[in-house]
Protein backbone atom coordinates (compact mmCIF):
# COMPACT_ATOMS: atom_id res chain seq x y z
CA MET A 1 47.97 -223.95 59.46
CA LYS A 2 44.44 -224.54 60.70
CA ARG A 3 43.74 -227.71 62.69
CA SER A 4 41.06 -228.71 60.18
CA GLU A 5 43.76 -228.77 57.51
CA THR A 6 45.57 -231.41 59.56
CA PHE A 7 42.54 -233.67 59.98
CA ALA A 8 40.74 -233.22 56.63
CA PRO A 9 43.36 -235.23 54.68
CA LEU A 10 43.28 -237.96 57.33
CA VAL A 11 39.49 -238.20 57.00
CA ALA A 12 39.82 -238.24 53.22
CA ARG A 13 42.23 -241.19 53.43
CA GLN A 14 40.27 -243.03 56.14
CA PRO A 15 36.63 -241.88 55.96
CA ASP A 16 35.47 -244.62 58.34
CA ASN A 17 37.88 -243.58 61.10
CA GLU A 18 35.57 -241.98 63.67
CA LEU A 19 38.45 -240.60 65.74
CA PHE A 20 39.76 -238.60 62.77
CA ARG A 21 36.21 -237.38 62.09
CA PHE A 22 35.73 -236.41 65.74
CA SER A 23 38.99 -234.44 65.71
CA LEU A 24 38.03 -232.76 62.44
CA ALA A 25 34.60 -231.85 63.83
CA GLN A 26 36.18 -230.27 66.90
CA ALA A 27 38.63 -228.34 64.72
CA LEU A 28 35.77 -227.08 62.53
CA VAL A 29 33.86 -225.90 65.60
CA ALA A 30 36.95 -224.04 66.81
CA GLU A 31 37.12 -222.37 63.39
CA HIS A 32 33.42 -221.41 63.64
CA ARG A 33 32.52 -223.72 60.74
CA LEU A 34 29.58 -225.12 62.66
CA VAL A 35 27.49 -226.46 59.78
CA ASP A 36 30.51 -228.31 58.42
CA ALA A 37 31.13 -229.90 61.81
CA VAL A 38 27.59 -231.32 62.12
CA GLU A 39 28.14 -233.93 59.40
CA HIS A 40 31.25 -235.29 61.08
CA PHE A 41 29.69 -235.57 64.54
CA LYS A 42 26.67 -237.31 62.98
CA LEU A 43 28.93 -239.85 61.29
CA CYS A 44 30.75 -240.49 64.57
CA ILE A 45 27.43 -241.20 66.28
CA ALA A 46 26.22 -243.37 63.40
CA LYS A 47 29.35 -245.49 63.82
CA LYS A 48 29.26 -245.49 67.63
CA PRO A 49 25.74 -244.70 68.93
CA GLU A 50 26.95 -245.06 72.53
CA TRP A 51 29.47 -242.19 72.13
CA MET A 52 28.03 -239.84 74.73
CA VAL A 53 30.54 -237.00 74.29
CA ALA A 54 29.96 -236.83 70.54
CA ARG A 55 26.21 -236.61 71.19
CA ILE A 56 26.68 -233.82 73.74
CA LEU A 57 28.89 -231.83 71.37
CA LEU A 58 26.46 -232.34 68.48
CA GLY A 59 23.60 -231.22 70.69
CA LYS A 60 25.50 -228.08 71.71
CA LEU A 61 26.25 -227.43 68.06
CA TYR A 62 22.57 -227.75 67.15
CA LEU A 63 21.70 -225.40 70.02
CA GLU A 64 24.19 -222.83 68.76
CA LEU A 65 22.69 -223.15 65.27
CA GLY A 66 19.20 -222.54 66.67
CA ARG A 67 18.08 -226.10 65.96
CA LYS A 68 16.48 -226.78 69.34
CA PRO A 69 14.43 -229.88 68.41
CA GLU A 70 17.55 -231.64 67.13
CA ALA A 71 19.55 -230.48 70.16
CA THR A 72 16.86 -231.90 72.44
CA ILE A 73 17.01 -235.29 70.71
CA GLU A 74 20.79 -235.49 71.09
CA PHE A 75 20.73 -234.29 74.71
CA GLN A 76 18.03 -236.84 75.61
CA ALA A 77 20.02 -239.66 73.98
CA ALA A 78 23.21 -238.49 75.72
CA LEU A 79 21.37 -238.27 79.06
CA LYS A 80 20.22 -241.88 78.70
CA LEU A 81 23.85 -242.88 78.01
CA ALA A 82 25.16 -240.81 80.93
CA ILE A 83 22.77 -242.59 83.28
CA GLU A 84 23.57 -246.04 81.84
CA GLN A 85 27.32 -245.36 82.00
CA SER A 86 27.15 -243.75 85.49
CA HIS A 87 28.61 -240.40 84.39
CA GLU A 88 27.25 -238.01 87.02
CA ASP A 89 28.78 -234.72 85.83
CA PRO A 90 27.56 -235.11 82.22
CA GLU A 91 24.17 -236.23 83.55
CA ARG A 92 23.89 -233.05 85.62
CA GLU A 93 25.02 -230.88 82.68
CA LEU A 94 22.56 -232.55 80.31
CA ARG A 95 19.65 -232.09 82.73
CA GLU A 96 20.53 -228.39 82.91
CA LEU A 97 20.81 -228.09 79.13
CA LEU A 98 17.45 -229.80 78.62
CA ALA A 99 15.84 -227.56 81.26
CA SER A 100 17.24 -224.47 79.53
CA ILE A 101 15.66 -225.50 76.21
CA ALA A 102 12.21 -226.31 77.64
């Protein structure tokens, strides 16, 4: 059974549960269902705008889909959060990602 098949029913029962959505999004990415995963990461961020990891993963997803402007927006927002939250490793990674897009 695919991991998405575990989380999809949970999301259906509790659509406002961002942790279920996050897990479903990660499962969809692992199954190469990238476009399907975008919606779930976006909903996680809408519910918790300060969720840095969700923003990073959404940005990487956009990058993989060739959507560089959207990736840049997410990486910039995540970088601001990384600085505010004193997360040095993500900050370094985000600076590198942004430099690679420019």
